[in-house]
């Protein structure tokens, strides 16, 4: 086991790298939403498009998952290993539920007669498809990170003094939550 000062220095480096990565993701999604705004003048734009109900439910699920991940971080800082385990597992289940609801949302869009690709697609639904798929790719990274945290937690690598892995994963998870909330509100209200 490394000493606390060395651990704290590594933690600062990891946190800085995570922030750089998250800033680059923000830049990418800012580009997507800017392109969406510019494309509004196209003739195939759907000004009456509404987000499927599954996307609203998935948004609520993602918010709850952020709360459970926060509670996991809080529990490990108190050396409460049992609650940490419980909150990590609940977060994982909610994350997988979010992914499932995204695909239900895609099905709802298709059921309404709107397609994401092909001759029957519109620029509006194509943008939605691209943005949601790219977000899901990042969420897959968040789920992998969460699985690694759960594995390391059971290997007893975290405690009240050394918990940077859980903290970094939770920060990324909260970031993905905020990003999805922004995207959901953007697609819901920008017509």
N, C-alpha and C. Protein backbone atom coordinates (compact mmCIF):
# COMPACT_ATOMS: atom_id res chain seq x y z
N UNK A 1 0.84 -1.18 0.00
CA UNK A 1 0.00 0.00 0.00
C UNK A 1 0.89 1.24 0.00
N UNK A 2 0.54 2.22 -0.82
CA UNK A 2 1.33 3.45 -0.90
C UNK A 2 0.95 4.39 0.23
N UNK A 3 1.90 5.31 0.54
CA UNK A 3 1.61 6.24 1.63
C UNK A 3 0.56 7.27 1.18
N UNK A 4 -0.03 7.93 2.15
CA UNK A 4 -1.16 8.82 1.86
C UNK A 4 -0.77 10.01 1.00
N UNK A 5 0.42 10.57 1.20
CA UNK A 5 0.85 11.73 0.42
C UNK A 5 1.00 11.35 -1.06
N UNK A 6 1.63 10.22 -1.32
CA UNK A 6 1.78 9.74 -2.70
C UNK A 6 0.41 9.45 -3.33
N UNK A 7 -0.47 8.86 -2.55
CA UNK A 7 -1.83 8.57 -3.01
C UNK A 7 -2.56 9.86 -3.38
N UNK A 8 -2.46 10.87 -2.53
CA UNK A 8 -3.13 12.15 -2.78
C UNK A 8 -2.58 12.83 -4.03
N UNK A 9 -1.28 12.75 -4.26
CA UNK A 9 -0.68 13.33 -5.47
C UNK A 9 -1.17 12.64 -6.73
N UNK A 10 -1.25 11.31 -6.69
CA UNK A 10 -1.78 10.57 -7.83
C UNK A 10 -3.25 10.93 -8.06
N UNK A 11 -4.00 11.08 -6.99
CA UNK A 11 -5.41 11.41 -7.09
C UNK A 11 -5.60 12.74 -7.80
N UNK A 12 -4.78 13.74 -7.47
CA UNK A 12 -4.87 15.04 -8.13
C UNK A 12 -4.61 14.92 -9.63
N UNK A 13 -3.63 14.12 -10.00
CA UNK A 13 -3.33 13.91 -11.42
C UNK A 13 -4.49 13.24 -12.14
N UNK A 14 -5.05 12.22 -11.53
CA UNK A 14 -6.18 11.51 -12.14
C UNK A 14 -7.40 12.42 -12.30
N UNK A 15 -7.64 13.24 -11.29
CA UNK A 15 -8.78 14.16 -11.35
C UNK A 15 -8.60 15.17 -12.48
N UNK A 16 -7.38 15.68 -12.65
CA UNK A 16 -7.11 16.64 -13.72
C UNK A 16 -7.32 16.00 -15.08
N UNK A 17 -6.84 14.77 -15.25
CA UNK A 17 -7.03 14.06 -16.52
C UNK A 17 -8.52 13.84 -16.81
N UNK A 18 -9.27 13.48 -15.79
CA UNK A 18 -10.71 13.29 -15.97
C UNK A 18 -11.37 14.58 -16.42
N UNK A 19 -11.00 15.70 -15.80
CA UNK A 19 -11.60 16.98 -16.18
C UNK A 19 -11.26 17.35 -17.62
N UNK A 20 -10.03 17.09 -18.05
CA UNK A 20 -9.67 17.35 -19.45
C UNK A 20 -10.53 16.51 -20.39
N UNK A 21 -10.71 15.25 -20.05
CA UNK A 21 -11.54 14.37 -20.87
C UNK A 21 -12.98 14.85 -20.93
N UNK A 22 -13.53 15.25 -19.79
CA UNK A 22 -14.92 15.71 -19.76
C UNK A 22 -15.09 17.00 -20.56
N UNK A 23 -14.10 17.88 -20.49
CA UNK A 23 -14.17 19.12 -21.28
C UNK A 23 -14.19 18.82 -22.76
N UNK A 24 -13.41 17.84 -23.20
CA UNK A 24 -13.41 17.49 -24.62
C UNK A 24 -14.76 16.90 -25.04
N UNK A 25 -15.40 16.14 -24.16
CA UNK A 25 -16.74 15.60 -24.46
C UNK A 25 -17.75 16.74 -24.56
N UNK A 26 -17.65 17.71 -23.67
CA UNK A 26 -18.54 18.88 -23.73
C UNK A 26 -18.38 19.58 -25.08
N UNK A 27 -17.15 19.74 -25.52
CA UNK A 27 -16.89 20.40 -26.81
C UNK A 27 -17.54 19.63 -27.95
N UNK A 28 -17.46 18.31 -27.90
CA UNK A 28 -18.06 17.50 -28.96
C UNK A 28 -19.57 17.68 -28.98
N UNK A 29 -20.21 17.60 -27.82
CA UNK A 29 -21.66 17.75 -27.77
C UNK A 29 -22.10 19.18 -28.07
N UNK A 30 -21.26 20.16 -27.75
CA UNK A 30 -21.56 21.54 -28.14
C UNK A 30 -21.57 21.65 -29.67
N UNK A 31 -20.66 20.93 -30.31
CA UNK A 31 -20.66 20.90 -31.78
C UNK A 31 -21.92 20.25 -32.32
N UNK A 32 -22.33 19.15 -31.71
CA UNK A 32 -23.57 18.48 -32.16
C UNK A 32 -24.78 19.40 -32.02
N UNK A 33 -24.91 20.03 -30.86
CA UNK A 33 -26.08 20.87 -30.65
C UNK A 33 -26.02 22.12 -31.52
N UNK A 34 -24.83 22.63 -31.79
CA UNK A 34 -24.71 23.78 -32.71
C UNK A 34 -25.14 23.38 -34.12
N UNK A 35 -24.72 22.22 -34.55
CA UNK A 35 -25.14 21.73 -35.88
C UNK A 35 -26.64 21.53 -35.93
N UNK A 36 -27.21 21.07 -34.83
CA UNK A 36 -28.66 20.88 -34.74
C UNK A 36 -29.37 22.22 -34.91
N UNK A 37 -28.88 23.26 -34.24
CA UNK A 37 -29.47 24.59 -34.32
C UNK A 37 -29.38 25.12 -35.76
N UNK A 38 -28.23 24.96 -36.39
CA UNK A 38 -28.05 25.44 -37.75
C UNK A 38 -28.95 24.68 -38.73
N UNK A 39 -29.16 23.41 -38.48
CA UNK A 39 -29.97 22.58 -39.39
C UNK A 39 -31.46 22.88 -39.30
N UNK A 40 -31.86 23.68 -38.35
CA UNK A 40 -33.28 23.98 -38.16
C UNK A 40 -33.91 24.61 -39.40
N UNK A 41 -33.12 25.24 -40.23
CA UNK A 41 -33.66 25.90 -41.42
C UNK A 41 -33.89 24.94 -42.59
N UNK A 42 -33.54 23.70 -42.44
CA UNK A 42 -33.73 22.72 -43.52
C UNK A 42 -35.22 22.45 -43.75
N UNK A 43 -35.59 22.12 -44.99
CA UNK A 43 -37.01 21.87 -45.28
C UNK A 43 -37.55 20.59 -44.63
N UNK A 44 -36.68 19.62 -44.31
CA UNK A 44 -37.18 18.39 -43.70
C UNK A 44 -37.13 18.43 -42.17
N UNK A 45 -37.03 19.62 -41.62
CA UNK A 45 -36.98 19.78 -40.17
C UNK A 45 -38.35 19.52 -39.57
N UNK A 46 -38.40 18.78 -38.47
CA UNK A 46 -39.67 18.50 -37.79
C UNK A 46 -39.83 19.46 -36.61
N UNK A 47 -40.64 20.47 -36.80
CA UNK A 47 -40.82 21.44 -35.71
C UNK A 47 -41.80 20.94 -34.66
N UNK A 48 -42.54 19.89 -34.97
CA UNK A 48 -43.52 19.36 -34.01
C UNK A 48 -43.06 18.05 -33.35
N UNK A 49 -41.77 17.75 -33.45
CA UNK A 49 -41.24 16.53 -32.86
C UNK A 49 -41.27 16.62 -31.33
N UNK A 50 -41.75 15.57 -30.70
CA UNK A 50 -41.73 15.50 -29.23
C UNK A 50 -40.92 14.28 -28.81
N UNK A 51 -40.22 14.44 -27.71
CA UNK A 51 -39.39 13.35 -27.20
C UNK A 51 -40.29 12.24 -26.69
N UNK A 52 -39.91 10.99 -26.93
CA UNK A 52 -40.70 9.85 -26.43
C UNK A 52 -40.73 9.81 -24.90
N UNK A 53 -41.79 9.23 -24.36
CA UNK A 53 -41.93 9.10 -22.91
C UNK A 53 -40.79 8.32 -22.28
N UNK A 54 -40.28 7.33 -23.00
CA UNK A 54 -39.18 6.51 -22.45
C UNK A 54 -37.95 7.36 -22.15
N UNK A 55 -37.74 8.42 -22.94
CA UNK A 55 -36.59 9.29 -22.68
C UNK A 55 -36.80 10.10 -21.40
N UNK A 56 -38.02 10.50 -21.12
CA UNK A 56 -38.31 11.20 -19.86
C UNK A 56 -38.08 10.26 -18.68
N UNK A 57 -38.59 9.05 -18.79
CA UNK A 57 -38.40 8.07 -17.70
C UNK A 57 -36.91 7.77 -17.52
N UNK A 58 -36.19 7.62 -18.64
CA UNK A 58 -34.75 7.33 -18.52
C UNK A 58 -34.01 8.49 -17.87
N UNK A 59 -34.47 9.71 -18.11
CA UNK A 59 -33.86 10.88 -17.48
C UNK A 59 -34.03 10.81 -15.96
N UNK A 60 -35.22 10.46 -15.53
CA UNK A 60 -35.48 10.32 -14.09
C UNK A 60 -34.63 9.20 -13.49
N UNK A 61 -34.50 8.09 -14.21
CA UNK A 61 -33.67 6.96 -13.76
C UNK A 61 -32.22 7.40 -13.62
N UNK A 62 -31.74 8.18 -14.58
CA UNK A 62 -30.34 8.63 -14.54
C UNK A 62 -30.11 9.57 -13.35
N UNK A 63 -31.08 10.43 -13.07
CA UNK A 63 -30.94 11.33 -11.92
C UNK A 63 -30.88 10.53 -10.62
N UNK A 64 -31.74 9.53 -10.49
CA UNK A 64 -31.72 8.68 -9.28
C UNK A 64 -30.39 7.94 -9.19
N UNK A 65 -29.85 7.49 -10.33
CA UNK A 65 -28.57 6.77 -10.30
C UNK A 65 -27.44 7.68 -9.84
N UNK A 66 -27.52 8.95 -10.16
CA UNK A 66 -26.51 9.89 -9.67
C UNK A 66 -26.60 10.03 -8.15
N UNK A 67 -27.81 10.03 -7.65
CA UNK A 67 -28.01 10.11 -6.20
C UNK A 67 -27.43 8.87 -5.52
N UNK A 68 -27.70 7.70 -6.07
CA UNK A 68 -27.18 6.47 -5.45
C UNK A 68 -25.66 6.41 -5.52
N UNK A 69 -25.09 6.91 -6.62
CA UNK A 69 -23.62 6.92 -6.72
C UNK A 69 -23.04 7.89 -5.70
N UNK A 70 -23.70 9.03 -5.52
CA UNK A 70 -23.26 9.99 -4.50
C UNK A 70 -23.30 9.34 -3.11
N UNK A 71 -24.37 8.59 -2.85
CA UNK A 71 -24.49 7.91 -1.56
C UNK A 71 -23.41 6.85 -1.38
N UNK A 72 -22.98 6.21 -2.48
CA UNK A 72 -21.89 5.24 -2.39
C UNK A 72 -20.59 5.93 -1.99
N UNK A 73 -20.32 7.09 -2.59
CA UNK A 73 -19.11 7.85 -2.24
C UNK A 73 -19.17 8.28 -0.78
N UNK A 74 -20.32 8.77 -0.38
CA UNK A 74 -20.50 9.19 1.02
C UNK A 74 -20.28 8.02 1.98
N UNK A 75 -20.80 6.85 1.61
CA UNK A 75 -20.66 5.66 2.47
C UNK A 75 -19.21 5.22 2.59
N UNK A 76 -18.46 5.23 1.49
CA UNK A 76 -17.06 4.78 1.57
C UNK A 76 -16.23 5.76 2.39
N UNK A 77 -16.58 7.04 2.33
CA UNK A 77 -15.86 8.04 3.13
C UNK A 77 -16.11 7.83 4.62
N UNK A 78 -17.19 7.12 4.95
CA UNK A 78 -17.49 6.78 6.34
C UNK A 78 -17.10 5.34 6.67
N UNK A 79 -16.40 4.69 5.76
CA UNK A 79 -15.98 3.29 5.88
C UNK A 79 -17.16 2.35 6.06
N UNK A 80 -18.30 2.71 5.53
CA UNK A 80 -19.49 1.87 5.58
C UNK A 80 -19.51 1.01 4.31
N UNK A 81 -18.83 -0.12 4.37
CA UNK A 81 -18.65 -0.96 3.19
C UNK A 81 -19.96 -1.58 2.72
N UNK A 82 -20.82 -1.91 3.63
CA UNK A 82 -22.10 -2.53 3.26
C UNK A 82 -22.95 -1.57 2.44
N UNK A 83 -23.11 -0.33 2.91
CA UNK A 83 -23.89 0.66 2.16
C UNK A 83 -23.22 1.03 0.85
N UNK A 84 -21.88 1.07 0.86
CA UNK A 84 -21.17 1.34 -0.39
C UNK A 84 -21.51 0.28 -1.43
N UNK A 85 -21.45 -0.98 -1.03
CA UNK A 85 -21.79 -2.07 -1.95
C UNK A 85 -23.22 -1.94 -2.47
N UNK A 86 -24.13 -1.71 -1.57
CA UNK A 86 -25.55 -1.61 -1.95
C UNK A 86 -25.76 -0.47 -2.95
N UNK A 87 -25.21 0.70 -2.67
CA UNK A 87 -25.41 1.85 -3.55
C UNK A 87 -24.72 1.66 -4.90
N UNK A 88 -23.57 1.00 -4.91
CA UNK A 88 -22.89 0.74 -6.19
C UNK A 88 -23.73 -0.20 -7.06
N UNK A 89 -24.28 -1.25 -6.44
CA UNK A 89 -25.10 -2.20 -7.21
C UNK A 89 -26.38 -1.56 -7.71
N UNK A 90 -27.01 -0.74 -6.87
CA UNK A 90 -28.22 -0.04 -7.31
C UNK A 90 -27.89 0.90 -8.48
N UNK A 91 -26.76 1.59 -8.39
CA UNK A 91 -26.34 2.48 -9.48
C UNK A 91 -26.15 1.69 -10.77
N UNK A 92 -25.54 0.52 -10.67
CA UNK A 92 -25.34 -0.31 -11.87
C UNK A 92 -26.68 -0.72 -12.48
N UNK A 93 -27.60 -1.18 -11.66
CA UNK A 93 -28.91 -1.59 -12.15
C UNK A 93 -29.62 -0.41 -12.82
N UNK A 94 -29.55 0.76 -12.20
CA UNK A 94 -30.18 1.95 -12.78
C UNK A 94 -29.51 2.35 -14.09
N UNK A 95 -28.19 2.21 -14.16
CA UNK A 95 -27.48 2.52 -15.40
C UNK A 95 -27.90 1.61 -16.55
N UNK A 96 -28.01 0.33 -16.27
CA UNK A 96 -28.46 -0.63 -17.29
C UNK A 96 -29.91 -0.35 -17.66
N UNK A 97 -30.72 0.01 -16.69
CA UNK A 97 -32.12 0.37 -16.95
C UNK A 97 -32.19 1.59 -17.87
N UNK A 98 -31.33 2.57 -17.62
CA UNK A 98 -31.27 3.75 -18.49
C UNK A 98 -31.00 3.35 -19.94
N UNK A 99 -30.02 2.49 -20.14
CA UNK A 99 -29.69 2.04 -21.50
C UNK A 99 -30.89 1.36 -22.14
N UNK A 100 -31.55 0.46 -21.41
CA UNK A 100 -32.73 -0.21 -21.94
C UNK A 100 -33.82 0.77 -22.32
N UNK A 101 -34.03 1.78 -21.49
CA UNK A 101 -35.06 2.77 -21.78
C UNK A 101 -34.71 3.62 -23.00
N UNK A 102 -33.42 3.81 -23.26
CA UNK A 102 -33.03 4.54 -24.46
C UNK A 102 -33.48 3.78 -25.71
N UNK A 103 -33.32 2.47 -25.69
CA UNK A 103 -33.74 1.68 -26.85
C UNK A 103 -35.27 1.62 -26.95
N UNK A 104 -35.95 1.63 -25.82
CA UNK A 104 -37.41 1.73 -25.85
C UNK A 104 -37.81 3.06 -26.48
N UNK A 105 -37.09 4.12 -26.14
CA UNK A 105 -37.34 5.44 -26.74
C UNK A 105 -37.15 5.42 -28.25
N UNK A 106 -36.09 4.75 -28.71
CA UNK A 106 -35.89 4.61 -30.17
C UNK A 106 -37.07 3.91 -30.80
N UNK A 107 -37.54 2.84 -30.15
CA UNK A 107 -38.68 2.09 -30.68
C UNK A 107 -39.92 2.97 -30.73
N UNK A 108 -40.12 3.82 -29.73
CA UNK A 108 -41.27 4.72 -29.73
C UNK A 108 -41.20 5.73 -30.88
N UNK A 109 -39.99 6.22 -31.18
CA UNK A 109 -39.84 7.13 -32.32
C UNK A 109 -40.19 6.42 -33.61
N UNK A 110 -39.70 5.21 -33.78
CA UNK A 110 -39.98 4.44 -34.99
C UNK A 110 -41.47 4.11 -35.08
N UNK A 111 -42.08 3.73 -33.95
CA UNK A 111 -43.52 3.43 -33.94
C UNK A 111 -44.37 4.63 -34.34
N UNK A 112 -43.86 5.84 -34.12
CA UNK A 112 -44.60 7.04 -34.50
C UNK A 112 -44.43 7.37 -35.99
N UNK A 113 -43.67 6.50 -36.71
CA UNK A 113 -43.50 6.69 -38.15
C UNK A 113 -42.28 7.50 -38.52
N UNK A 114 -41.42 7.78 -37.57
CA UNK A 114 -40.20 8.54 -37.83
C UNK A 114 -39.01 7.60 -37.77
N UNK A 115 -38.12 7.74 -38.73
CA UNK A 115 -36.97 6.84 -38.81
C UNK A 115 -35.68 7.63 -38.67
N UNK A 116 -34.63 6.93 -38.31
CA UNK A 116 -33.35 7.58 -38.05
C UNK A 116 -32.45 7.62 -39.28
N UNK A 117 -32.62 6.67 -40.17
CA UNK A 117 -31.83 6.62 -41.39
C UNK A 117 -32.72 6.21 -42.55
N UNK A 118 -32.20 6.35 -43.74
CA UNK A 118 -32.93 5.92 -44.92
C UNK A 118 -33.79 7.02 -45.52
N UNK A 119 -34.55 6.65 -46.53
CA UNK A 119 -35.33 7.63 -47.27
C UNK A 119 -36.47 8.22 -46.45
N UNK A 120 -36.92 7.54 -45.42
CA UNK A 120 -38.02 8.04 -44.59
C UNK A 120 -37.54 8.76 -43.34
N UNK A 121 -36.25 9.01 -43.26
CA UNK A 121 -35.71 9.69 -42.08
C UNK A 121 -35.80 11.21 -42.26
N UNK A 122 -35.62 11.91 -41.16
CA UNK A 122 -35.55 13.37 -41.18
C UNK A 122 -34.26 13.78 -40.50
N UNK A 123 -33.85 14.99 -40.74
CA UNK A 123 -32.64 15.48 -40.10
C UNK A 123 -32.82 15.52 -38.58
N UNK A 124 -34.03 15.81 -38.14
CA UNK A 124 -34.31 15.90 -36.70
C UNK A 124 -34.06 14.55 -36.02
N UNK A 125 -34.64 13.49 -36.57
CA UNK A 125 -34.47 12.17 -35.95
C UNK A 125 -33.05 11.63 -36.14
N UNK A 126 -32.43 12.00 -37.25
CA UNK A 126 -31.04 11.56 -37.45
C UNK A 126 -30.12 12.18 -36.40
N UNK A 127 -30.32 13.46 -36.11
CA UNK A 127 -29.53 14.10 -35.06
C UNK A 127 -29.78 13.44 -33.72
N UNK A 128 -31.04 13.19 -33.41
CA UNK A 128 -31.38 12.53 -32.15
C UNK A 128 -30.66 11.19 -32.03
N UNK A 129 -30.70 10.42 -33.09
CA UNK A 129 -30.07 9.10 -33.11
C UNK A 129 -28.56 9.23 -32.86
N UNK A 130 -27.90 10.11 -33.57
CA UNK A 130 -26.45 10.26 -33.44
C UNK A 130 -26.08 10.69 -32.02
N UNK A 131 -26.78 11.70 -31.52
CA UNK A 131 -26.44 12.24 -30.20
C UNK A 131 -26.68 11.20 -29.11
N UNK A 132 -27.80 10.48 -29.18
CA UNK A 132 -28.09 9.48 -28.15
C UNK A 132 -27.09 8.32 -28.23
N UNK A 133 -26.76 7.88 -29.43
CA UNK A 133 -25.79 6.79 -29.57
C UNK A 133 -24.41 7.20 -29.05
N UNK A 134 -23.98 8.42 -29.34
CA UNK A 134 -22.68 8.88 -28.82
C UNK A 134 -22.73 8.99 -27.30
N UNK A 135 -23.85 9.46 -26.76
CA UNK A 135 -23.98 9.52 -25.30
C UNK A 135 -23.94 8.10 -24.71
N UNK A 136 -24.64 7.17 -25.36
CA UNK A 136 -24.63 5.78 -24.88
C UNK A 136 -23.22 5.19 -24.91
N UNK A 137 -22.43 5.56 -25.92
CA UNK A 137 -21.04 5.08 -25.98
C UNK A 137 -20.26 5.57 -24.76
N UNK A 138 -20.47 6.83 -24.39
CA UNK A 138 -19.80 7.34 -23.20
C UNK A 138 -20.36 6.69 -21.93
N UNK A 139 -21.66 6.43 -21.93
CA UNK A 139 -22.26 5.75 -20.79
C UNK A 139 -21.72 4.33 -20.65
N UNK A 140 -21.45 3.68 -21.78
CA UNK A 140 -20.82 2.36 -21.72
C UNK A 140 -19.50 2.45 -20.97
N UNK A 141 -18.72 3.52 -21.25
CA UNK A 141 -17.48 3.75 -20.51
C UNK A 141 -17.74 3.95 -19.03
N UNK A 142 -18.83 4.66 -18.71
CA UNK A 142 -19.21 4.84 -17.31
C UNK A 142 -19.59 3.54 -16.64
N UNK A 143 -20.30 2.67 -17.38
CA UNK A 143 -20.68 1.36 -16.82
C UNK A 143 -19.45 0.48 -16.60
N UNK A 144 -18.51 0.51 -17.54
CA UNK A 144 -17.27 -0.25 -17.37
C UNK A 144 -16.51 0.27 -16.15
N UNK A 145 -16.44 1.58 -16.02
CA UNK A 145 -15.79 2.18 -14.86
C UNK A 145 -16.47 1.75 -13.57
N UNK A 146 -17.78 1.73 -13.58
CA UNK A 146 -18.54 1.31 -12.40
C UNK A 146 -18.28 -0.16 -12.07
N UNK A 147 -18.22 -1.01 -13.08
CA UNK A 147 -17.91 -2.42 -12.84
C UNK A 147 -16.52 -2.59 -12.24
N UNK A 148 -15.57 -1.81 -12.72
CA UNK A 148 -14.21 -1.86 -12.17
C UNK A 148 -14.22 -1.40 -10.71
N UNK A 149 -14.98 -0.35 -10.43
CA UNK A 149 -15.10 0.14 -9.04
C UNK A 149 -15.71 -0.94 -8.15
N UNK A 150 -16.75 -1.59 -8.63
CA UNK A 150 -17.38 -2.65 -7.83
C UNK A 150 -16.38 -3.78 -7.58
N UNK A 151 -15.66 -4.16 -8.61
CA UNK A 151 -14.64 -5.21 -8.47
C UNK A 151 -13.58 -4.79 -7.44
N UNK A 152 -13.05 -3.57 -7.58
CA UNK A 152 -12.03 -3.09 -6.64
C UNK A 152 -12.57 -2.93 -5.23
N UNK A 153 -13.83 -2.57 -5.14
CA UNK A 153 -14.45 -2.45 -3.82
C UNK A 153 -14.46 -3.81 -3.11
N UNK A 154 -14.80 -4.85 -3.86
CA UNK A 154 -14.81 -6.19 -3.25
C UNK A 154 -13.41 -6.72 -2.99
N UNK A 155 -12.42 -6.16 -3.68
CA UNK A 155 -11.02 -6.51 -3.40
C UNK A 155 -10.48 -5.65 -2.25
N UNK A 156 -11.35 -4.84 -1.64
CA UNK A 156 -11.04 -3.98 -0.50
C UNK A 156 -9.93 -2.96 -0.79
N UNK A 157 -10.00 -2.37 -1.98
CA UNK A 157 -9.00 -1.35 -2.36
C UNK A 157 -9.40 0.05 -1.93
N UNK A 158 -10.64 0.21 -1.43
CA UNK A 158 -11.11 1.53 -1.03
C UNK A 158 -11.41 1.56 0.46
N UNK A 159 -11.18 2.72 1.05
CA UNK A 159 -11.54 2.96 2.45
C UNK A 159 -11.76 4.45 2.63
N UNK A 160 -11.97 4.88 3.85
CA UNK A 160 -12.28 6.30 4.10
C UNK A 160 -11.16 7.23 3.65
N UNK A 161 -9.92 6.77 3.70
CA UNK A 161 -8.80 7.63 3.33
C UNK A 161 -8.40 7.48 1.86
N UNK A 162 -8.67 6.34 1.27
CA UNK A 162 -8.25 6.08 -0.11
C UNK A 162 -9.44 5.59 -0.93
N UNK A 163 -10.07 6.53 -1.61
CA UNK A 163 -11.29 6.22 -2.34
C UNK A 163 -11.35 6.94 -3.69
N UNK A 164 -10.20 7.29 -4.24
CA UNK A 164 -10.18 8.09 -5.46
C UNK A 164 -10.86 7.38 -6.63
N UNK A 165 -10.77 6.06 -6.70
CA UNK A 165 -11.39 5.33 -7.80
C UNK A 165 -12.90 5.51 -7.83
N UNK A 166 -13.52 5.37 -6.67
CA UNK A 166 -14.97 5.56 -6.59
C UNK A 166 -15.31 7.02 -6.89
N UNK A 167 -14.54 7.92 -6.36
CA UNK A 167 -14.79 9.35 -6.56
C UNK A 167 -14.69 9.75 -8.03
N UNK A 168 -13.66 9.26 -8.72
CA UNK A 168 -13.50 9.58 -10.15
C UNK A 168 -14.65 9.00 -10.97
N UNK A 169 -14.99 7.76 -10.70
CA UNK A 169 -16.08 7.13 -11.43
C UNK A 169 -17.40 7.87 -11.18
N UNK A 170 -17.63 8.27 -9.94
CA UNK A 170 -18.85 9.02 -9.61
C UNK A 170 -18.86 10.38 -10.30
N UNK A 171 -17.73 11.05 -10.36
CA UNK A 171 -17.65 12.34 -11.04
C UNK A 171 -18.01 12.18 -12.51
N UNK A 172 -17.47 11.16 -13.16
CA UNK A 172 -17.79 10.92 -14.57
C UNK A 172 -19.27 10.58 -14.72
N UNK A 173 -19.80 9.79 -13.80
CA UNK A 173 -21.21 9.41 -13.85
C UNK A 173 -22.11 10.64 -13.72
N UNK A 174 -21.78 11.52 -12.77
CA UNK A 174 -22.56 12.75 -12.59
C UNK A 174 -22.47 13.62 -13.85
N UNK A 175 -21.29 13.65 -14.43
CA UNK A 175 -21.10 14.40 -15.67
C UNK A 175 -22.01 13.86 -16.78
N UNK A 176 -22.05 12.53 -16.93
CA UNK A 176 -22.92 11.93 -17.94
C UNK A 176 -24.39 12.22 -17.65
N UNK A 177 -24.75 12.24 -16.38
CA UNK A 177 -26.11 12.58 -15.98
C UNK A 177 -26.44 14.01 -16.39
N UNK A 178 -25.57 14.93 -16.06
CA UNK A 178 -25.78 16.33 -16.42
C UNK A 178 -25.85 16.48 -17.94
N UNK A 179 -24.97 15.80 -18.64
CA UNK A 179 -24.95 15.86 -20.10
C UNK A 179 -26.26 15.35 -20.69
N UNK A 180 -26.75 14.21 -20.19
CA UNK A 180 -28.02 13.69 -20.69
C UNK A 180 -29.17 14.64 -20.37
N UNK A 181 -29.17 15.20 -19.17
CA UNK A 181 -30.23 16.14 -18.80
C UNK A 181 -30.23 17.34 -19.75
N UNK A 182 -29.05 17.86 -20.04
CA UNK A 182 -28.93 18.96 -21.01
C UNK A 182 -29.47 18.54 -22.38
N UNK A 183 -29.06 17.36 -22.86
CA UNK A 183 -29.50 16.90 -24.17
C UNK A 183 -31.02 16.68 -24.20
N UNK A 184 -31.55 16.07 -23.16
CA UNK A 184 -32.99 15.84 -23.09
C UNK A 184 -33.76 17.16 -23.14
N UNK A 185 -33.34 18.12 -22.33
CA UNK A 185 -34.02 19.42 -22.32
C UNK A 185 -33.84 20.15 -23.65
N UNK A 186 -32.66 20.04 -24.22
CA UNK A 186 -32.41 20.69 -25.51
C UNK A 186 -33.33 20.13 -26.59
N UNK A 187 -33.39 18.79 -26.71
CA UNK A 187 -34.23 18.17 -27.73
C UNK A 187 -35.72 18.37 -27.44
N UNK A 188 -36.06 18.50 -26.16
CA UNK A 188 -37.47 18.67 -25.80
C UNK A 188 -37.98 20.08 -26.08
N UNK A 189 -37.14 21.07 -25.85
CA UNK A 189 -37.64 22.44 -25.89
C UNK A 189 -37.12 23.27 -27.06
N UNK A 190 -36.05 22.84 -27.73
CA UNK A 190 -35.58 23.59 -28.88
C UNK A 190 -36.26 23.07 -30.12
N UNK A 191 -37.19 23.80 -30.64
CA UNK A 191 -37.97 23.34 -31.81
C UNK A 191 -37.62 24.16 -33.02
